C-alpha cells in the first residue's frame, strides 16, 4: 500500500506539459536511451533529460509530441549530461516505457491539476 500524501504535498510537484523539440542518441548511457530536449513554454524554457524509451519510440516519432514532465526536481548528473526534468511514463510488463502525454494539445507549460 502506498503512503497517503496531502493535497499540499501533491501541489508541490510541478507536472508540466512540453513539446519535444530535439532527440539525440545517448551512447554513453548504461542502457539504451535518448537525450530529449523539451520546450516547456516561456516560464520554464527548453530543458533536457535522458530517457530509456528506445523500445517504443524513435527520434522521428518523438519530435513534436507533447509529454508530461516534472520540472522542479533538482538537476541530476547522468553520465556526461545533466538531466533538467523527469519525463513521466508507465512501465509495461516487458520493461518498455509508455510516455505520459495529454489526450489533446494544450499550451506548453500547462500544469497538471
PDB file of N, CA and C in Angstrom:
ATOM      1  N   UNK A   1       0.846  -1.177   0.000  1.00  0.00           N
ATOM      2  CA  UNK A   1       0.000   0.000   0.000  1.00  0.00           C
ATOM      3  C   UNK A   1       0.889   1.236   0.000  1.00  0.00           C
ATOM      4  N   UNK A   2       0.507   2.239  -0.767  1.00  0.00           N
ATOM      5  CA  UNK A   2       1.309   3.451  -0.841  1.00  0.00           C
ATOM      6  C   UNK A   2       0.949   4.415   0.289  1.00  0.00           C
ATOM      7  N   UNK A   3       1.874   5.300   0.568  1.00  0.00           N
ATOM      8  CA  UNK A   3       1.695   6.298   1.623  1.00  0.00           C
ATOM      9  C   UNK A   3       0.707   7.367   1.173  1.00  0.00           C
ATOM     10  N   UNK A   4      -0.171   7.774   2.047  1.00  0.00           N
ATOM     11  CA  UNK A   4      -1.107   8.859   1.763  1.00  0.00           C
ATOM     12  C   UNK A   4      -0.370  10.187   1.897  1.00  0.00           C
ATOM     13  N   UNK A   5      -0.572  11.079   0.928  1.00  0.00           N
ATOM     14  CA  UNK A   5       0.030  12.411   0.992  1.00  0.00           C
ATOM     15  C   UNK A   5      -1.085  13.447   1.047  1.00  0.00           C
ATOM     16  N   UNK A   6      -0.712  14.635   1.429  1.00  0.00           N
ATOM     17  CA  UNK A   6      -1.691  15.717   1.491  1.00  0.00           C
ATOM     18  C   UNK A   6      -1.789  16.395   0.130  1.00  0.00           C
ATOM     19  N   UNK A   7      -2.852  17.170  -0.045  1.00  0.00           N
ATOM     20  CA  UNK A   7      -3.005  17.958  -1.268  1.00  0.00           C
ATOM     21  C   UNK A   7      -1.826  18.912  -1.414  1.00  0.00           C
ATOM     22  N   UNK A   8      -1.361  19.464  -0.303  1.00  0.00           N
ATOM     23  CA  UNK A   8      -0.231  20.395  -0.336  1.00  0.00           C
ATOM     24  C   UNK A   8       1.032  19.694  -0.853  1.00  0.00           C
ATOM     25  N   UNK A   9       1.225  18.428  -0.459  1.00  0.00           N
ATOM     26  CA  UNK A   9       2.373  17.667  -0.973  1.00  0.00           C
ATOM     27  C   UNK A   9       2.280  17.519  -2.488  1.00  0.00           C
ATOM     28  N   UNK A  10       1.106  17.130  -2.977  1.00  0.00           N
ATOM     29  CA  UNK A  10       0.920  16.955  -4.415  1.00  0.00           C
ATOM     30  C   UNK A  10       1.116  18.277  -5.157  1.00  0.00           C
ATOM     31  N   UNK A  11       0.622  19.363  -4.585  1.00  0.00           N
ATOM     32  CA  UNK A  11       0.706  20.675  -5.236  1.00  0.00           C
ATOM     33  C   UNK A  11       2.153  21.141  -5.411  1.00  0.00           C
ATOM     34  N   UNK A  12       3.075  20.602  -4.622  1.00  0.00           N
ATOM     35  CA  UNK A  12       4.490  20.976  -4.749  1.00  0.00           C
ATOM     36  C   UNK A  12       5.121  20.427  -6.026  1.00  0.00           C
ATOM     37  N   UNK A  13       4.563  19.363  -6.581  1.00  0.00           N
ATOM     38  CA  UNK A  13       5.140  18.733  -7.776  1.00  0.00           C
ATOM     39  C   UNK A  13       4.709  19.514  -9.010  1.00  0.00           C
ATOM     40  N   UNK A  14       5.680  20.025  -9.737  1.00  0.00           N
ATOM     41  CA  UNK A  14       5.414  20.786 -10.963  1.00  0.00           C
ATOM     42  C   UNK A  14       5.361  19.831 -12.149  1.00  0.00           C
ATOM     43  N   UNK A  15       4.188  19.242 -12.386  1.00  0.00           N
ATOM     44  CA  UNK A  15       3.966  18.373 -13.542  1.00  0.00           C
ATOM     45  C   UNK A  15       3.487  19.264 -14.681  1.00  0.00           C
ATOM     46  N   UNK A  16       4.345  19.457 -15.673  1.00  0.00           N
ATOM     47  CA  UNK A  16       4.071  20.394 -16.765  1.00  0.00           C
ATOM     48  C   UNK A  16       4.122  19.706 -18.124  1.00  0.00           C
ATOM     49  N   UNK A  17       3.359  20.244 -19.053  1.00  0.00           N
ATOM     50  CA  UNK A  17       3.345  19.750 -20.431  1.00  0.00           C
ATOM     51  C   UNK A  17       4.400  20.492 -21.240  1.00  0.00           C
ATOM     52  N   UNK A  18       5.087  19.746 -22.099  1.00  0.00           N
ATOM     53  CA  UNK A  18       6.046  20.350 -23.012  1.00  0.00           C
ATOM     54  C   UNK A  18       6.059  19.584 -24.321  1.00  0.00           C
ATOM     55  N   UNK A  19       6.649  20.203 -25.337  1.00  0.00           N
ATOM     56  CA  UNK A  19       6.745  19.604 -26.665  1.00  0.00           C
ATOM     57  C   UNK A  19       8.188  19.214 -26.954  1.00  0.00           C
ATOM     58  N   UNK A  20       8.383  17.981 -27.392  1.00  0.00           N
ATOM     59  CA  UNK A  20       9.726  17.501 -27.739  1.00  0.00           C
ATOM     60  C   UNK A  20      10.206  18.259 -28.978  1.00  0.00           C
ATOM     61  N   UNK A  21      11.372  18.903 -28.860  1.00  0.00           N
ATOM     62  CA  UNK A  21      11.918  19.686 -29.972  1.00  0.00           C
ATOM     63  C   UNK A  21      13.196  19.093 -30.550  1.00  0.00           C
ATOM     64  N   UNK A  22      13.857  18.216 -29.795  1.00  0.00           N
ATOM     65  CA  UNK A  22      15.093  17.593 -30.289  1.00  0.00           C
ATOM     66  C   UNK A  22      15.314  16.276 -29.558  1.00  0.00           C
ATOM     67  N   UNK A  23      15.824  15.283 -30.290  1.00  0.00           N
ATOM     68  CA  UNK A  23      16.152  13.979 -29.705  1.00  0.00           C
ATOM     69  C   UNK A  23      17.520  13.577 -30.233  1.00  0.00           C
ATOM     70  N   UNK A  24      18.399  13.210 -29.306  1.00  0.00           N
ATOM     71  CA  UNK A  24      19.750  12.791 -29.677  1.00  0.00           C
ATOM     72  C   UNK A  24      20.014  11.398 -29.123  1.00  0.00           C
ATOM     73  N   UNK A  25      20.857  10.638 -29.790  1.00  0.00           N
ATOM     74  CA  UNK A  25      21.280   9.360 -29.193  1.00  0.00           C
ATOM     75  C   UNK A  25      22.100   9.645 -27.935  1.00  0.00           C
ATOM     76  N   UNK A  26      22.139   8.697 -27.033  1.00  0.00           N
ATOM     77  CA  UNK A  26      22.916   8.833 -25.795  1.00  0.00           C
ATOM     78  C   UNK A  26      23.771   7.575 -25.637  1.00  0.00           C
ATOM     79  N   UNK A  27      24.825   7.454 -26.461  1.00  0.00           N
ATOM     80  CA  UNK A  27      25.623   6.230 -26.471  1.00  0.00           C
ATOM     81  C   UNK A  27      26.362   5.967 -25.165  1.00  0.00           C
ATOM     82  N   UNK A  28      26.565   6.989 -24.330  1.00  0.00           N
ATOM     83  CA  UNK A  28      27.270   6.807 -23.062  1.00  0.00           C
ATOM     84  C   UNK A  28      26.380   6.192 -21.975  1.00  0.00           C
ATOM     85  N   UNK A  29      25.085   6.135 -22.209  1.00  0.00           N
ATOM     86  CA  UNK A  29      24.159   5.584 -21.208  1.00  0.00           C
ATOM     87  C   UNK A  29      24.408   4.090 -21.017  1.00  0.00           C
ATOM     88  N   UNK A  30      24.184   3.621 -19.788  1.00  0.00           N
ATOM     89  CA  UNK A  30      24.371   2.193 -19.497  1.00  0.00           C
ATOM     90  C   UNK A  30      23.339   1.338 -20.210  1.00  0.00           C
ATOM     91  N   UNK A  31      22.107   1.830 -20.305  1.00  0.00           N
ATOM     92  CA  UNK A  31      21.040   1.151 -21.035  1.00  0.00           C
ATOM     93  C   UNK A  31      20.647   2.049 -22.195  1.00  0.00           C
ATOM     94  N   UNK A  32      20.119   1.493 -23.301  1.00  0.00           N
ATOM     95  CA  UNK A  32      19.748   2.323 -24.444  1.00  0.00           C
ATOM     96  C   UNK A  32      18.838   3.482 -24.026  1.00  0.00           C
ATOM     97  N   UNK A  33      19.219   4.695 -24.451  1.00  0.00           N
ATOM     98  CA  UNK A  33      18.478   5.890 -24.052  1.00  0.00           C
ATOM     99  C   UNK A  33      18.659   6.993 -25.088  1.00  0.00           C
ATOM    100  N   UNK A  34      17.793   7.991 -24.985  1.00  0.00           N
ATOM    101  CA  UNK A  34      17.901   9.213 -25.775  1.00  0.00           C
ATOM    102  C   UNK A  34      18.144  10.384 -24.831  1.00  0.00           C
ATOM    103  N   UNK A  35      18.745  11.446 -25.368  1.00  0.00           N
ATOM    104  CA  UNK A  35      18.724  12.751 -24.715  1.00  0.00           C
ATOM    105  C   UNK A  35      17.598  13.515 -25.400  1.00  0.00           C
ATOM    106  N   UNK A  36      16.632  13.946 -24.611  1.00  0.00           N
ATOM    107  CA  UNK A  36      15.427  14.568 -25.143  1.00  0.00           C
ATOM    108  C   UNK A  36      15.357  16.020 -24.678  1.00  0.00           C
ATOM    109  N   UNK A  37      15.161  16.940 -25.624  1.00  0.00           N
ATOM    110  CA  UNK A  37      15.003  18.363 -25.333  1.00  0.00           C
ATOM    111  C   UNK A  37      13.529  18.703 -25.493  1.00  0.00           C
ATOM    112  N   UNK A  38      12.958  19.337 -24.463  1.00  0.00           N
ATOM    113  CA  UNK A  38      11.522  19.618 -24.439  1.00  0.00           C
ATOM    114  C   UNK A  38      11.291  21.096 -24.139  1.00  0.00           C
ATOM    115  N   UNK A  39      10.411  21.718 -24.910  1.00  0.00           N
ATOM    116  CA  UNK A  39      10.019  23.112 -24.702  1.00  0.00           C
ATOM    117  C   UNK A  39       8.842  23.149 -23.741  1.00  0.00           C
ATOM    118  N   UNK A  40       9.085  23.663 -22.523  1.00  0.00           N
ATOM    119  CA  UNK A  40       8.045  23.778 -21.510  1.00  0.00           C
ATOM    120  C   UNK A  40       7.442  25.182 -21.456  1.00  0.00           C
ATOM    121  N   UNK A  41       7.574  25.957 -22.525  1.00  0.00           N
ATOM    122  CA  UNK A  41       6.960  27.279 -22.582  1.00  0.00           C
ATOM    123  C   UNK A  41       7.842  28.355 -21.978  1.00  0.00           C
ATOM    124  N   UNK A  42       7.337  29.608 -21.997  1.00  0.00           N
ATOM    125  CA  UNK A  42       8.169  30.743 -21.597  1.00  0.00           C
ATOM    126  C   UNK A  42       8.631  30.725 -20.136  1.00  0.00           C
ATOM    127  N   UNK A  43       7.860  30.154 -19.235  1.00  0.00           N
ATOM    128  CA  UNK A  43       8.233  30.166 -17.822  1.00  0.00           C
ATOM    129  C   UNK A  43       9.401  29.227 -17.524  1.00  0.00           C
ATOM    130  N   UNK A  44       9.471  28.084 -18.205  1.00  0.00           N
ATOM    131  CA  UNK A  44      10.481  27.072 -17.911  1.00  0.00           C
ATOM    132  C   UNK A  44      11.493  26.878 -19.038  1.00  0.00           C
ATOM    133  N   UNK A  45      11.148  27.261 -20.254  1.00  0.00           N
ATOM    134  CA  UNK A  45      12.065  27.152 -21.373  1.00  0.00           C
ATOM    135  C   UNK A  45      12.295  25.726 -21.834  1.00  0.00           C
ATOM    136  N   UNK A  46      13.358  25.544 -22.621  1.00  0.00           N
ATOM    137  CA  UNK A  46      13.725  24.221 -23.137  1.00  0.00           C
ATOM    138  C   UNK A  46      14.626  23.547 -22.116  1.00  0.00           C
ATOM    139  N   UNK A  47      14.264  22.326 -21.764  1.00  0.00           N
ATOM    140  CA  UNK A  47      15.046  21.534 -20.808  1.00  0.00           C
ATOM    141  C   UNK A  47      15.343  20.175 -21.422  1.00  0.00           C
ATOM    142  N   UNK A  48      16.397  19.531 -20.903  1.00  0.00           N
ATOM    143  CA  UNK A  48      16.773  18.228 -21.446  1.00  0.00           C
ATOM    144  C   UNK A  48      16.792  17.182 -20.346  1.00  0.00           C
ATOM    145  N   UNK A  49      16.636  15.934 -20.781  1.00  0.00           N
ATOM    146  CA  UNK A  49      16.716  14.795 -19.883  1.00  0.00           C
ATOM    147  C   UNK A  49      17.173  13.587 -20.668  1.00  0.00           C
ATOM    148  N   UNK A  50      17.502  12.538 -19.935  1.00  0.00           N
ATOM    149  CA  UNK A  50      17.799  11.242 -20.527  1.00  0.00           C
ATOM    150  C   UNK A  50      16.603  10.343 -20.276  1.00  0.00           C
ATOM    151  N   UNK A  51      16.217   9.566 -21.277  1.00  0.00           N
ATOM    152  CA  UNK A  51      15.064   8.675 -21.110  1.00  0.00           C
ATOM    153  C   UNK A  51      15.319   7.347 -21.808  1.00  0.00           C
ATOM    154  N   UNK A  52      15.033   6.261 -21.087  1.00  0.00           N
ATOM    155  CA  UNK A  52      15.184   4.910 -21.622  1.00  0.00           C
ATOM    156  C   UNK A  52      13.866   4.497 -22.282  1.00  0.00           C
ATOM    157  N   UNK A  53      13.600   5.088 -23.430  1.00  0.00           N
ATOM    158  CA  UNK A  53      12.329   4.858 -24.128  1.00  0.00           C
ATOM    159  C   UNK A  53      12.555   4.376 -25.562  1.00  0.00           C
ATOM    160  N   UNK A  54      13.724   3.797 -25.811  1.00  0.00           N
ATOM    161  CA  UNK A  54      14.072   3.390 -27.180  1.00  0.00           C
ATOM    162  C   UNK A  54      13.298   2.172 -27.661  1.00  0.00           C
ATOM    163  N   UNK A  55      12.686   1.413 -26.760  1.00  0.00           N
ATOM    164  CA  UNK A  55      11.926   0.225 -27.177  1.00  0.00           C
ATOM    165  C   UNK A  55      10.696   0.586 -27.999  1.00  0.00           C
ATOM    166  N   UNK A  56      10.032   1.668 -27.633  1.00  0.00           N
ATOM    167  CA  UNK A  56       8.754   2.002 -28.273  1.00  0.00           C
ATOM    168  C   UNK A  56       8.788   3.246 -29.143  1.00  0.00           C
ATOM    169  N   UNK A  57       9.855   4.043 -29.039  1.00  0.00           N
ATOM    170  CA  UNK A  57       9.878   5.333 -29.727  1.00  0.00           C
ATOM    171  C   UNK A  57      11.171   5.517 -30.507  1.00  0.00           C
ATOM    172  N   UNK A  58      11.059   6.170 -31.655  1.00  0.00           N
ATOM    173  CA  UNK A  58      12.218   6.597 -32.431  1.00  0.00           C
ATOM    174  C   UNK A  58      12.293   8.118 -32.328  1.00  0.00           C
ATOM    175  N   UNK A  59      13.439   8.709 -32.643  1.00  0.00           N
ATOM    176  CA  UNK A  59      13.505  10.175 -32.617  1.00  0.00           C
ATOM    177  C   UNK A  59      12.418  10.815 -33.483  1.00  0.00           C
ATOM    178  N   UNK A  60      12.137  10.209 -34.617  1.00  0.00           N
ATOM    179  CA  UNK A  60      11.133  10.776 -35.523  1.00  0.00           C
ATOM    180  C   UNK A  60       9.731  10.760 -34.927  1.00  0.00           C
ATOM    181  N   UNK A  61       9.405   9.741 -34.137  1.00  0.00           N
ATOM    182  CA  UNK A  61       8.059   9.680 -33.539  1.00  0.00           C
ATOM    183  C   UNK A  61       7.950  10.562 -32.294  1.00  0.00           C
ATOM    184  N   UNK A  62       9.091  11.012 -31.773  1.00  0.00           N
ATOM    185  CA  UNK A  62       9.066  11.855 -30.574  1.00  0.00           C
ATOM    186  C   UNK A  62       8.989  13.342 -30.886  1.00  0.00           C
ATOM    187  N   UNK A  63       9.641  13.772 -31.966  1.00  0.00           N
ATOM    188  CA  UNK A  63       9.653  15.198 -32.316  1.00  0.00           C
ATOM    189  C   UNK A  63       8.218  15.692 -32.509  1.00  0.00           C
ATOM    190  N   UNK A  64       7.885  16.782 -31.813  1.00  0.00           N
ATOM    191  CA  UNK A  64       6.545  17.372 -31.918  1.00  0.00           C
ATOM    192  C   UNK A  64       5.529  16.782 -30.959  1.00  0.00           C
ATOM    193  N   UNK A  65       5.877  15.688 -30.280  1.00  0.00           N
ATOM    194  CA  UNK A  65       4.960  15.050 -29.324  1.00  0.00           C
ATOM    195  C   UNK A  65       4.951  15.840 -28.016  1.00  0.00           C
ATOM    196  N   UNK A  66       3.767  16.004 -27.437  1.00  0.00           N
ATOM    197  CA  UNK A  66       3.674  16.603 -26.118  1.00  0.00           C
ATOM    198  C   UNK A  66       3.837  15.519 -25.054  1.00  0.00           C
ATOM    199  N   UNK A  67       4.575  15.858 -24.001  1.00  0.00           N
ATOM    200  CA  UNK A  67       4.840  14.920 -22.899  1.00  0.00           C
ATOM    201  C   UNK A  67       4.542  15.614 -21.583  1.00  0.00           C
ATOM    202  N   UNK A  68       4.514  14.823 -20.521  1.00  0.00           N
ATOM    203  CA  UNK A  68       4.339  15.354 -19.176  1.00  0.00           C
ATOM    204  C   UNK A  68       5.634  15.146 -18.412  1.00  0.00           C
ATOM    205  N   UNK A  69       6.170  16.226 -17.834  1.00  0.00           N
ATOM    206  CA  UNK A  69       7.422  16.129 -17.108  1.00  0.00           C
ATOM    207  C   UNK A  69       7.368  16.833 -15.768  1.00  0.00           C
ATOM    208  N   UNK A  70       8.205  16.375 -14.847  1.00  0.00           N
ATOM    209  CA  UNK A  70       8.364  17.041 -13.558  1.00  0.00           C
ATOM    210  C   UNK A  70       9.528  18.019 -13.720  1.00  0.00           C
ATOM    211  N   UNK A  71       9.243  19.315 -13.562  1.00  0.00           N
ATOM    212  CA  UNK A  71      10.268  20.331 -13.837  1.00  0.00           C
ATOM    213  C   UNK A  71      10.895  20.928 -12.579  1.00  0.00           C
ATOM    214  N   UNK A  72      10.476  20.476 -11.390  1.00  0.00           N
ATOM    215  CA  UNK A  72      11.062  21.078 -10.181  1.00  0.00           C
ATOM    216  C   UNK A  72      11.873  20.099  -9.332  1.00  0.00           C
ATOM    217  N   UNK A  73      12.345  19.007  -9.925  1.00  0.00           N
ATOM    218  CA  UNK A  73      13.348  18.186  -9.263  1.00  0.00           C
ATOM    219  C   UNK A  73      14.700  18.877  -9.426  1.00  0.00           C
ATOM    220  N   UNK A  74      15.650  18.619  -8.537  1.00  0.00           N
ATOM    221  CA  UNK A  74      16.984  19.189  -8.749  1.00  0.00           C
ATOM    222  C   UNK A  74      17.635  18.564  -9.978  1.00  0.00           C
ATOM    223  N   UNK A  75      18.548  19.301 -10.579  1.00  0.00           N
ATOM    224  CA  UNK A  75      19.307  18.784 -11.717  1.00  0.00           C
ATOM    225  C   UNK A  75      20.061  17.544 -11.264  1.00  0.00           C
ATOM    226  N   UNK A  76      20.102  16.518 -12.138  1.00  0.00           N
ATOM    227  CA  UNK A  76      20.758  15.255 -11.799  1.00  0.00           C
ATOM    228  C   UNK A  76      21.787  14.927 -12.870  1.00  0.00           C
ATOM    229  N   UNK A  77      23.004  14.617 -12.450  1.00  0.00           N
ATOM    230  CA  UNK A  77      24.061  14.232 -13.373  1.00  0.00           C
ATOM    231  C   UNK A  77      23.857  12.784 -13.790  1.00  0.00           C
ATOM    232  N   UNK A  78      23.732  12.548 -15.105  1.00  0.00           N
ATOM    233  CA  UNK A  78      23.592  11.194 -15.642  1.00  0.00           C
ATOM    234  C   UNK A  78      24.718  11.008 -16.658  1.00  0.00           C
ATOM    235  N   UNK A  79      25.788  10.396 -16.206  1.00  0.00           N
ATOM    236  CA  UNK A  79      26.954  10.274 -17.078  1.00  0.00           C
ATOM    237  C   UNK A  79      27.457  11.664 -17.439  1.00  0.00           C
ATOM    238  N   UNK A  80      27.666  11.921 -18.735  1.00  0.00           N
ATOM    239  CA  UNK A  80      28.194  13.223 -19.144  1.00  0.00           C
ATOM    240  C   UNK A  80      27.133  14.321 -19.288  1.00  0.00           C
ATOM    241  N   UNK A  81      25.868  14.022 -19.041  1.00  0.00           N
ATOM    242  CA  UNK A  81      24.834  15.057 -19.215  1.00  0.00           C
ATOM    243  C   UNK A  81      24.118  15.354 -17.913  1.00  0.00           C
ATOM    244  N   UNK A  82      23.529  16.548 -17.854  1.00  0.00           N
ATOM    245  CA  UNK A  82      22.773  16.981 -16.679  1.00  0.00           C
ATOM    246  C   UNK A  82      21.287  16.953 -17.017  1.00  0.00           C
ATOM    247  N   UNK A  83      20.555  16.100 -16.321  1.00  0.00           N
ATOM    248  CA  UNK A  83      19.115  15.975 -16.542  1.00  0.00           C
ATOM    249  C   UNK A  83      18.401  17.105 -15.813  1.00  0.00           C
ATOM    250  N   UNK A  84      17.543  17.823 -16.548  1.00  0.00           N
ATOM    251  CA  UNK A  84      16.887  19.018 -16.013  1.00  0.00           C
ATOM    252  C   UNK A  84      15.399  18.825 -15.724  1.00  0.00           C
ATOM    253  N   UNK A  85      14.855  17.658 -16.040  1.00  0.00           N
ATOM    254  CA  UNK A  85      13.473  17.335 -15.690  1.00  0.00           C
ATOM    255  C   UNK A  85      13.309  15.828 -15.741  1.00  0.00           C
ATOM    256  N   UNK A  86      12.174  15.343 -15.218  1.00  0.00           N
ATOM    257  CA  UNK A  86      11.867  13.916 -15.247  1.00  0.00           C
ATOM    258  C   UNK A  86      10.735  13.677 -16.236  1.00  0.00           C
ATOM    259  N   UNK A  87      10.994  12.910 -17.267  1.00  0.00           N
ATOM    260  CA  UNK A  87       9.971  12.503 -18.216  1.00  0.00           C
ATOM    261  C   UNK A  87       9.130  11.417 -17.562  1.00  0.00           C
ATOM    262  N   UNK A  88       7.817  11.577 -17.553  1.00  0.00           N
ATOM    263  CA  UNK A  88       6.966  10.593 -16.886  1.00  0.00           C
ATOM    264  C   UNK A  88       6.457   9.553 -17.871  1.00  0.00           C
ATOM    265  N   UNK A  89       6.180   8.368 -17.328  1.00  0.00           N
ATOM    266  CA  UNK A  89       5.664   7.290 -18.156  1.00  0.00           C
ATOM    267  C   UNK A  89       5.291   6.101 -17.296  1.00  0.00           C
ATOM    268  N   UNK A  90       4.859   5.044 -17.966  1.00  0.00           N
ATOM    269  CA  UNK A  90       4.419   3.826 -17.312  1.00  0.00           C
ATOM    270  C   UNK A  90       5.219   2.644 -17.830  1.00  0.00           C
ATOM    271  N   UNK A  91       5.705   1.795 -16.917  1.00  0.00           N
ATOM    272  CA  UNK A  91       6.390   0.560 -17.322  1.00  0.00           C
ATOM    273  C   UNK A  91       5.369  -0.501 -17.708  1.00  0.00           C
ATOM    274  N   UNK A  92       5.648  -1.174 -18.804  1.00  0.00           N
ATOM    275  CA  UNK A  92       4.839  -2.324 -19.194  1.00  0.00           C
ATOM    276  C   UNK A  92       5.507  -3.585 -18.660  1.00  0.00           C
ATOM    277  N   UNK A  93       4.808  -4.712 -18.752  1.00  0.00           N
ATOM    278  CA  UNK A  93       5.351  -5.976 -18.247  1.00  0.00           C
ATOM    279  C   UNK A  93       6.677  -6.357 -18.903  1.00  0.00           C
ATOM    280  N   UNK A  94       6.869  -5.953 -20.162  1.00  0.00           N
ATOM    281  CA  UNK A  94       8.104  -6.290 -20.871  1.00  0.00           C
ATOM    282  C   UNK A  94       9.258  -5.332 -20.550  1.00  0.00           C
ATOM    283  N   UNK A  95       9.005  -4.346 -19.668  1.00  0.00           N
ATOM    284  CA  UNK A  95      10.044  -3.398 -19.281  1.00  0.00           C
ATOM    285  C   UNK A  95      10.073  -2.125 -20.098  1.00  0.00           C
ATOM    286  N   UNK A  96       9.358  -2.084 -21.203  1.00  0.00           N
ATOM    287  CA  UNK A  96       9.323  -0.863 -22.011  1.00  0.00           C
ATOM    288  C   UNK A  96       8.521   0.218 -21.283  1.00  0.00           C
ATOM    289  N   UNK A  97       8.746   1.465 -21.680  1.00  0.00           N
ATOM    290  CA  UNK A  97       8.093   2.601 -21.033  1.00  0.00           C
ATOM    291  C   UNK A  97       7.179   3.297 -22.036  1.00  0.00           C
ATOM    292  N   UNK A  98       5.932   3.527 -21.620  1.00  0.00           N
ATOM    293  CA  UNK A  98       4.961   4.293 -22.403  1.00  0.00           C
ATOM    294  C   UNK A  98       4.937   5.703 -21.827  1.00  0.00           C
ATOM    295  N   UNK A  99       5.209   6.695 -22.660  1.00  0.00           N
ATOM    296  CA  UNK A  99       5.272   8.094 -22.232  1.00  0.00           C
ATOM    297  C   UNK A  99       3.887   8.602 -21.836  1.00  0.00           C
ATOM    298  N   UNK A 100       3.863   9.429 -20.786  1.00  0.00           N
ATOM    299  CA  UNK A 100       2.639  10.115 -20.379  1.00  0.00           C
ATOM    300  C   UNK A 100       2.470  11.360 -21.239  1.00  0.00           C
ATOM    301  N   UNK A 101       1.299  11.519 -21.836  1.00  0.00           N
ATOM    302  CA  UNK A 101       1.051  12.699 -22.667  1.00  0.00           C
ATOM    303  C   UNK A 101      -0.424  13.080 -22.592  1.00  0.00           C
ATOM    304  N   UNK A 102      -0.730  14.356 -22.873  1.00  0.00           N
ATOM    305  CA  UNK A 102      -2.136  14.768 -22.839  1.00  0.00           C
ATOM    306  C   UNK A 102      -2.907  14.162 -24.007  1.00  0.00           C
ATOM    307  N   UNK A 103      -4.178  13.964 -23.797  1.00  0.00           N
ATOM    308  CA  UNK A 103      -5.054  13.405 -24.826  1.00  0.00           C
ATOM    309  C   UNK A 103      -5.241  14.373 -25.990  1.00  0.00           C
ATOM    310  N   UNK A 104      -5.238  15.669 -25.695  1.00  0.00           N
ATOM    311  CA  UNK A 104      -5.363  16.703 -26.709  1.00  0.00           C
ATOM    312  C   UNK A 104      -4.284  17.748 -26.471  1.00  0.00           C
ATOM    313  N   UNK A 105      -3.985  18.549 -27.484  1.00  0.00           N
ATOM    314  CA  UNK A 105      -2.948  19.573 -27.369  1.00  0.00           C
ATOM    315  C   UNK A 105      -3.329  20.616 -26.322  1.00  0.00           C
ATOM    316  N   UNK A 106      -2.354  21.001 -25.529  1.00  0.00           N
ATOM    317  CA  UNK A 106      -2.501  22.066 -24.540  1.00  0.00           C
ATOM    318  C   UNK A 106      -1.273  22.958 -24.633  1.00  0.00           C
ATOM    319  N   UNK A 107      -1.335  24.175 -24.102  1.00  0.00           N
ATOM    320  CA  UNK A 107      -0.168  25.062 -24.194  1.00  0.00           C
ATOM    321  C   UNK A 107       1.040  24.498 -23.439  1.00  0.00           C
ATOM    322  N   UNK A 108       2.226  24.659 -24.021  1.00  0.00           N
ATOM    323  CA  UNK A 108       3.443  24.246 -23.334  1.00  0.00           C
ATOM    324  C   UNK A 108       3.529  24.989 -22.006  1.00  0.00           C
ATOM    325  N   UNK A 109       3.866  24.253 -20.955  1.00  0.00           N
ATOM    326  CA  UNK A 109       3.955  24.827 -19.625  1.00  0.00           C
ATOM    327  C   UNK A 109       2.708  24.645 -18.786  1.00  0.00           C
ATOM    328  N   UNK A 110       1.621  24.162 -19.405  1.00  0.00           N
ATOM    329  CA  UNK A 110       0.384  23.940 -18.637  1.00  0.00           C
ATOM    330  C   UNK A 110       0.657  22.959 -17.510  1.00  0.00           C
ATOM    331  N   UNK A 111       0.102  23.245 -16.332  1.00  0.00           N
ATOM    332  CA  UNK A 111       0.323  22.404 -15.154  1.00  0.00           C
ATOM    333  C   UNK A 111      -0.801  21.397 -14.997  1.00  0.00           C
ATOM    334  N   UNK A 112      -0.404  20.164 -14.668  1.00  0.00           N
ATOM    335  CA  UNK A 112      -1.393  19.130 -14.362  1.00  0.00           C
ATOM    336  C   UNK A 112      -2.137  19.554 -13.102  1.00  0.00           C
ATOM    337  N   UNK A 113      -3.459  19.480 -13.173  1.00  0.00           N
ATOM    338  CA  UNK A 113      -4.258  19.884 -11.999  1.00  0.00           C
ATOM    339  C   UNK A 113      -5.173  18.773 -11.556  1.00  0.00           C
TER     340      UNK A 113
END
